[in-house]
């Protein structure tokens, strides 16, 4: 098994340092990994999970052994440390902001023009 891609989204949070998405063998993607850090224990990578009605958490996906968990964590931490010095704006890394600008903003331009023309009073409050 090879981790062929790691995407990191920096987080502006005291405990959660980043969210990660990994691709395995260029054919399987796991989203929603959370990288945390504490002074006592260092980094820890939480697998994507779900909270049940009784309040317990269960991992949706997880490695079957410690070696695999450590290998995944090492790759995510290495990618995180490469970009950790980059600025975080409103909880988003520059990579996420750039993706939003490319994919979302072009669709909003027509909405903004529509709002300006059809509801100028509301537009002034924004």
N, C-alpha and C. Protein backbone atom coordinates (compact mmCIF):
# COMPACT_ATOMS: atom_id res chain seq x y z
N UNK A 1 0.84 -1.17 0.00
CA UNK A 1 0.00 0.00 0.00
C UNK A 1 0.89 1.24 0.00
N UNK A 2 0.55 2.18 -0.89
CA UNK A 2 1.32 3.41 -0.97
C UNK A 2 0.38 4.61 -0.89
N UNK A 3 0.74 5.57 -0.07
CA UNK A 3 -0.01 6.82 -0.04
C UNK A 3 0.55 7.67 -1.17
N UNK A 4 -0.28 7.90 -2.18
CA UNK A 4 0.19 8.58 -3.38
C UNK A 4 -0.11 10.07 -3.37
N UNK A 5 -0.97 10.52 -2.46
CA UNK A 5 -1.26 11.96 -2.38
C UNK A 5 -1.74 12.30 -0.99
N UNK A 6 -1.30 13.46 -0.49
CA UNK A 6 -1.78 13.98 0.79
C UNK A 6 -2.16 15.44 0.58
N UNK A 7 -3.39 15.77 0.89
CA UNK A 7 -3.85 17.16 0.84
C UNK A 7 -4.10 17.62 2.27
N UNK A 8 -3.59 18.80 2.58
CA UNK A 8 -3.69 19.35 3.93
C UNK A 8 -4.51 20.63 3.89
N UNK A 9 -5.44 20.75 4.82
CA UNK A 9 -6.16 22.01 5.03
C UNK A 9 -5.84 22.49 6.43
N UNK A 10 -5.09 23.57 6.50
CA UNK A 10 -4.69 24.10 7.81
C UNK A 10 -5.92 24.57 8.58
N UNK A 11 -5.83 24.46 9.89
CA UNK A 11 -6.94 24.83 10.75
C UNK A 11 -6.45 25.85 11.77
N UNK A 12 -7.22 26.88 11.98
CA UNK A 12 -6.87 27.92 12.94
C UNK A 12 -7.50 27.57 14.29
N UNK A 13 -6.99 26.52 14.90
CA UNK A 13 -7.54 26.00 16.13
C UNK A 13 -6.38 25.64 17.05
N UNK A 14 -6.58 25.79 18.34
CA UNK A 14 -5.49 25.52 19.28
C UNK A 14 -5.07 24.06 19.26
N UNK A 15 -6.03 23.15 19.18
CA UNK A 15 -5.72 21.72 19.26
C UNK A 15 -5.65 21.05 17.89
N UNK A 16 -6.66 21.27 17.03
CA UNK A 16 -6.65 20.66 15.70
C UNK A 16 -5.77 21.52 14.81
N UNK A 17 -4.74 20.92 14.29
CA UNK A 17 -3.78 21.64 13.45
C UNK A 17 -4.16 21.62 11.98
N UNK A 18 -4.77 20.51 11.54
CA UNK A 18 -5.10 20.40 10.12
C UNK A 18 -6.11 19.29 9.89
N UNK A 19 -6.78 19.40 8.76
CA UNK A 19 -7.59 18.31 8.23
C UNK A 19 -6.84 17.76 7.03
N UNK A 20 -6.95 16.47 6.81
CA UNK A 20 -6.19 15.86 5.73
C UNK A 20 -7.06 14.93 4.90
N UNK A 21 -6.67 14.82 3.64
CA UNK A 21 -7.24 13.85 2.71
C UNK A 21 -6.07 13.08 2.14
N UNK A 22 -6.16 11.76 2.15
CA UNK A 22 -5.09 10.95 1.58
C UNK A 22 -5.65 10.12 0.43
N UNK A 23 -4.77 9.85 -0.53
CA UNK A 23 -5.11 8.94 -1.63
C UNK A 23 -4.17 7.75 -1.53
N UNK A 24 -4.74 6.58 -1.61
CA UNK A 24 -3.97 5.34 -1.53
C UNK A 24 -3.93 4.70 -2.91
N UNK A 25 -2.70 4.40 -3.36
CA UNK A 25 -2.47 3.73 -4.65
C UNK A 25 -3.20 4.40 -5.82
N UNK A 26 -3.34 5.72 -5.77
CA UNK A 26 -4.01 6.47 -6.84
C UNK A 26 -5.42 5.97 -7.15
N UNK A 27 -6.06 5.28 -6.18
CA UNK A 27 -7.39 4.75 -6.50
C UNK A 27 -8.37 4.76 -5.34
N UNK A 28 -7.93 5.15 -4.13
CA UNK A 28 -8.84 5.14 -2.99
C UNK A 28 -8.56 6.37 -2.14
N UNK A 29 -9.61 7.17 -1.87
CA UNK A 29 -9.45 8.43 -1.14
C UNK A 29 -10.11 8.33 0.23
N UNK A 30 -9.42 8.84 1.23
CA UNK A 30 -9.98 8.94 2.58
C UNK A 30 -9.93 10.40 2.98
N UNK A 31 -11.10 10.97 3.25
CA UNK A 31 -11.21 12.37 3.66
C UNK A 31 -11.56 12.44 5.14
N UNK A 32 -11.32 13.59 5.74
CA UNK A 32 -11.77 13.83 7.10
C UNK A 32 -10.82 13.39 8.19
N UNK A 33 -9.54 13.18 7.87
CA UNK A 33 -8.58 12.88 8.92
C UNK A 33 -8.27 14.19 9.65
N UNK A 34 -8.12 14.13 10.96
CA UNK A 34 -7.83 15.32 11.77
C UNK A 34 -6.49 15.14 12.47
N UNK A 35 -5.60 16.10 12.25
CA UNK A 35 -4.28 16.07 12.88
C UNK A 35 -4.31 16.99 14.09
N UNK A 36 -4.02 16.43 15.25
CA UNK A 36 -3.97 17.22 16.48
C UNK A 36 -2.56 17.21 17.03
N UNK A 37 -2.33 18.12 17.97
CA UNK A 37 -1.02 18.19 18.60
C UNK A 37 -1.19 18.63 20.04
N UNK A 38 -0.48 17.96 20.93
CA UNK A 38 -0.44 18.38 22.34
C UNK A 38 1.02 18.39 22.77
N UNK A 39 1.31 19.21 23.75
CA UNK A 39 2.69 19.32 24.23
C UNK A 39 3.17 18.00 24.81
N UNK A 40 2.29 17.28 25.52
CA UNK A 40 2.70 16.03 26.17
C UNK A 40 2.86 14.87 25.19
N UNK A 41 1.91 14.73 24.26
CA UNK A 41 1.89 13.54 23.41
C UNK A 41 2.32 13.77 21.97
N UNK A 42 2.50 15.02 21.59
CA UNK A 42 2.90 15.30 20.22
C UNK A 42 1.72 15.20 19.26
N UNK A 43 2.00 14.77 18.02
CA UNK A 43 0.96 14.67 17.00
C UNK A 43 0.14 13.40 17.19
N UNK A 44 -1.13 13.50 16.83
CA UNK A 44 -1.98 12.32 16.75
C UNK A 44 -2.96 12.54 15.61
N UNK A 45 -3.14 11.50 14.79
CA UNK A 45 -4.02 11.58 13.64
C UNK A 45 -5.30 10.81 13.94
N UNK A 46 -6.43 11.53 13.98
CA UNK A 46 -7.73 10.89 14.17
C UNK A 46 -8.29 10.48 12.82
N UNK A 47 -8.81 9.29 12.76
CA UNK A 47 -9.44 8.79 11.55
C UNK A 47 -10.86 9.39 11.44
N UNK A 48 -11.42 9.40 10.24
CA UNK A 48 -12.79 9.90 10.08
C UNK A 48 -13.73 9.07 10.94
N UNK A 49 -14.64 9.73 11.64
CA UNK A 49 -15.51 9.01 12.55
C UNK A 49 -16.93 9.53 12.52
N UNK A 50 -17.75 8.84 13.28
CA UNK A 50 -19.16 9.17 13.37
C UNK A 50 -19.59 9.04 14.83
N UNK A 51 -20.43 9.96 15.26
CA UNK A 51 -20.95 9.90 16.63
C UNK A 51 -22.32 9.22 16.60
N UNK A 52 -22.46 8.16 17.39
CA UNK A 52 -23.72 7.44 17.47
C UNK A 52 -24.69 8.18 18.39
N UNK A 53 -25.93 7.78 18.37
CA UNK A 53 -26.97 8.42 19.17
C UNK A 53 -26.66 8.34 20.67
N UNK A 54 -25.95 7.29 21.10
CA UNK A 54 -25.63 7.14 22.53
C UNK A 54 -24.41 7.95 22.94
N UNK A 55 -23.83 8.72 22.00
CA UNK A 55 -22.70 9.58 22.32
C UNK A 55 -21.34 8.96 22.07
N UNK A 56 -21.28 7.69 21.71
CA UNK A 56 -19.99 7.06 21.44
C UNK A 56 -19.55 7.36 20.01
N UNK A 57 -18.24 7.36 19.82
CA UNK A 57 -17.67 7.59 18.51
C UNK A 57 -17.14 6.28 17.95
N UNK A 58 -17.26 6.15 16.63
CA UNK A 58 -16.72 4.98 15.95
C UNK A 58 -15.99 5.47 14.69
N UNK A 59 -14.81 4.90 14.44
CA UNK A 59 -14.08 5.24 13.22
C UNK A 59 -14.81 4.64 12.03
N UNK A 60 -14.95 5.44 10.96
CA UNK A 60 -15.56 4.93 9.73
C UNK A 60 -14.56 4.09 8.96
N UNK A 61 -13.33 4.56 8.91
CA UNK A 61 -12.21 3.79 8.33
C UNK A 61 -11.06 3.85 9.31
N UNK A 62 -10.27 2.81 9.34
CA UNK A 62 -9.11 2.81 10.24
C UNK A 62 -8.12 1.74 9.81
N UNK A 63 -6.84 1.97 10.11
CA UNK A 63 -5.83 0.95 9.81
C UNK A 63 -6.02 -0.26 10.73
N UNK A 64 -5.59 -1.40 10.25
CA UNK A 64 -5.75 -2.62 11.03
C UNK A 64 -4.58 -2.90 11.96
N UNK A 65 -3.49 -2.14 11.80
CA UNK A 65 -2.35 -2.37 12.68
C UNK A 65 -1.63 -1.04 12.95
N UNK A 66 -0.79 -1.04 13.98
CA UNK A 66 -0.09 0.17 14.39
C UNK A 66 0.93 0.65 13.35
N UNK A 67 1.54 -0.28 12.63
CA UNK A 67 2.52 0.11 11.62
C UNK A 67 1.87 0.94 10.51
N UNK A 68 0.69 0.51 10.08
CA UNK A 68 -0.02 1.25 9.03
C UNK A 68 -0.48 2.59 9.55
N UNK A 69 -1.00 2.64 10.77
CA UNK A 69 -1.42 3.91 11.37
C UNK A 69 -0.24 4.87 11.45
N UNK A 70 0.91 4.38 11.88
CA UNK A 70 2.09 5.23 12.01
C UNK A 70 2.57 5.73 10.64
N UNK A 71 2.50 4.87 9.64
CA UNK A 71 2.92 5.26 8.29
C UNK A 71 2.02 6.37 7.76
N UNK A 72 0.72 6.25 7.95
CA UNK A 72 -0.21 7.29 7.51
C UNK A 72 0.04 8.58 8.28
N UNK A 73 0.17 8.47 9.60
CA UNK A 73 0.41 9.65 10.42
C UNK A 73 1.72 10.34 10.02
N UNK A 74 2.77 9.59 9.79
CA UNK A 74 4.06 10.18 9.40
C UNK A 74 3.94 10.97 8.10
N UNK A 75 3.21 10.43 7.12
CA UNK A 75 3.04 11.13 5.83
C UNK A 75 2.24 12.41 6.01
N UNK A 76 1.17 12.35 6.81
CA UNK A 76 0.34 13.54 7.02
C UNK A 76 1.12 14.60 7.79
N UNK A 77 1.84 14.20 8.82
CA UNK A 77 2.64 15.16 9.61
C UNK A 77 3.71 15.80 8.71
N UNK A 78 4.36 15.02 7.87
CA UNK A 78 5.39 15.56 6.98
C UNK A 78 4.81 16.61 6.05
N UNK A 79 3.64 16.35 5.47
CA UNK A 79 3.00 17.33 4.59
C UNK A 79 2.56 18.55 5.38
N UNK A 80 2.03 18.32 6.57
CA UNK A 80 1.62 19.45 7.42
C UNK A 80 2.80 20.35 7.74
N UNK A 81 3.91 19.76 8.10
CA UNK A 81 5.09 20.55 8.48
C UNK A 81 5.67 21.33 7.30
N UNK A 82 5.46 20.84 6.08
CA UNK A 82 5.91 21.58 4.90
C UNK A 82 5.18 22.91 4.75
N UNK A 83 3.88 22.91 5.12
CA UNK A 83 3.07 24.12 4.88
C UNK A 83 2.64 24.82 6.16
N UNK A 84 3.07 24.32 7.31
CA UNK A 84 2.60 24.86 8.59
C UNK A 84 2.92 26.33 8.78
N UNK A 85 3.96 26.84 8.15
CA UNK A 85 4.32 28.24 8.30
C UNK A 85 3.49 29.17 7.45
N UNK A 86 2.67 28.62 6.54
CA UNK A 86 1.85 29.46 5.69
C UNK A 86 0.71 30.08 6.49
N UNK A 87 0.24 31.25 6.10
CA UNK A 87 -0.82 31.92 6.85
C UNK A 87 -2.15 31.19 6.74
N UNK A 88 -2.94 31.32 7.79
CA UNK A 88 -4.29 30.77 7.82
C UNK A 88 -5.24 31.96 7.89
N UNK A 89 -6.20 32.03 6.97
CA UNK A 89 -7.16 33.13 6.92
C UNK A 89 -8.55 32.57 7.18
N UNK A 90 -9.19 33.05 8.24
CA UNK A 90 -10.53 32.58 8.60
C UNK A 90 -10.61 31.05 8.65
N UNK A 91 -9.57 30.42 9.17
CA UNK A 91 -9.57 28.97 9.32
C UNK A 91 -9.22 28.21 8.06
N UNK A 92 -8.86 28.89 6.97
CA UNK A 92 -8.58 28.21 5.71
C UNK A 92 -7.14 28.46 5.27
N UNK A 93 -6.54 27.43 4.73
CA UNK A 93 -5.19 27.58 4.19
C UNK A 93 -5.27 28.27 2.83
N UNK A 94 -4.15 28.82 2.36
CA UNK A 94 -4.15 29.46 1.04
C UNK A 94 -4.63 28.53 -0.07
N UNK A 95 -4.32 27.24 0.04
CA UNK A 95 -4.76 26.28 -0.98
C UNK A 95 -6.28 26.23 -1.06
N UNK A 96 -6.94 26.22 0.09
CA UNK A 96 -8.40 26.17 0.12
C UNK A 96 -8.99 27.48 -0.39
N UNK A 97 -8.41 28.61 0.00
CA UNK A 97 -8.90 29.90 -0.46
C UNK A 97 -8.78 30.00 -1.98
N UNK A 98 -7.66 29.54 -2.52
CA UNK A 98 -7.46 29.58 -3.97
C UNK A 98 -8.49 28.70 -4.69
N UNK A 99 -8.75 27.52 -4.14
CA UNK A 99 -9.74 26.63 -4.75
C UNK A 99 -11.13 27.27 -4.72
N UNK A 100 -11.48 27.93 -3.62
CA UNK A 100 -12.77 28.61 -3.54
C UNK A 100 -12.85 29.73 -4.57
N UNK A 101 -11.78 30.49 -4.68
CA UNK A 101 -11.78 31.60 -5.62
C UNK A 101 -11.98 31.11 -7.05
N UNK A 102 -11.34 29.99 -7.39
CA UNK A 102 -11.45 29.47 -8.76
C UNK A 102 -12.81 28.83 -9.02
N UNK A 103 -13.35 28.12 -8.04
CA UNK A 103 -14.54 27.30 -8.28
C UNK A 103 -15.86 27.93 -7.84
N UNK A 104 -15.83 28.81 -6.86
CA UNK A 104 -17.08 29.33 -6.32
C UNK A 104 -17.34 30.77 -6.75
N UNK A 105 -16.34 31.62 -6.64
CA UNK A 105 -16.55 33.04 -6.92
C UNK A 105 -17.11 33.31 -8.32
N UNK A 106 -16.65 32.63 -9.36
CA UNK A 106 -17.24 32.92 -10.68
C UNK A 106 -18.76 32.70 -10.71
N UNK A 107 -19.26 31.76 -9.93
CA UNK A 107 -20.69 31.49 -9.89
C UNK A 107 -21.44 32.55 -9.10
N UNK A 108 -20.76 33.21 -8.17
CA UNK A 108 -21.42 34.21 -7.34
C UNK A 108 -21.53 35.57 -8.03
N UNK A 109 -20.69 35.84 -9.02
CA UNK A 109 -20.69 37.15 -9.65
C UNK A 109 -22.06 37.51 -10.20
N UNK A 110 -22.72 36.60 -10.87
CA UNK A 110 -24.06 36.87 -11.39
C UNK A 110 -25.05 37.13 -10.27
N UNK A 111 -24.92 36.43 -9.16
CA UNK A 111 -25.81 36.63 -8.02
C UNK A 111 -25.63 38.01 -7.41
N UNK A 112 -24.39 38.46 -7.33
CA UNK A 112 -24.12 39.79 -6.77
C UNK A 112 -24.73 40.86 -7.66
N UNK A 113 -24.55 40.75 -8.97
CA UNK A 113 -25.13 41.73 -9.90
C UNK A 113 -26.65 41.71 -9.81
N UNK A 114 -27.24 40.53 -9.72
CA UNK A 114 -28.69 40.40 -9.59
C UNK A 114 -29.16 41.10 -8.31
N UNK A 115 -28.47 40.87 -7.22
CA UNK A 115 -28.83 41.47 -5.94
C UNK A 115 -28.71 42.98 -5.99
N UNK A 116 -27.66 43.48 -6.60
CA UNK A 116 -27.49 44.94 -6.74
C UNK A 116 -28.65 45.57 -7.49
N UNK A 117 -29.07 44.91 -8.57
CA UNK A 117 -30.13 45.48 -9.41
C UNK A 117 -31.51 45.33 -8.78
N UNK A 118 -31.78 44.21 -8.12
CA UNK A 118 -33.15 43.92 -7.68
C UNK A 118 -33.43 44.23 -6.22
N UNK A 119 -32.42 44.36 -5.41
CA UNK A 119 -32.64 44.69 -4.00
C UNK A 119 -31.52 45.59 -3.50
N UNK A 120 -31.50 46.84 -4.00
CA UNK A 120 -30.39 47.74 -3.64
C UNK A 120 -30.32 48.03 -2.15
N UNK A 121 -31.45 48.03 -1.45
CA UNK A 121 -31.42 48.31 -0.01
C UNK A 121 -30.70 47.19 0.75
N UNK A 122 -31.00 45.95 0.37
CA UNK A 122 -30.31 44.84 1.02
C UNK A 122 -28.83 44.87 0.65
N UNK A 123 -28.50 45.18 -0.60
CA UNK A 123 -27.12 45.24 -1.04
C UNK A 123 -26.31 46.23 -0.20
N UNK A 124 -26.91 47.36 0.16
CA UNK A 124 -26.21 48.39 0.93
C UNK A 124 -25.86 47.90 2.34
N UNK A 125 -26.62 46.95 2.86
CA UNK A 125 -26.35 46.46 4.22
C UNK A 125 -25.25 45.43 4.25
N UNK A 126 -24.88 44.89 3.10
CA UNK A 126 -23.86 43.84 3.06
C UNK A 126 -22.47 44.41 3.13
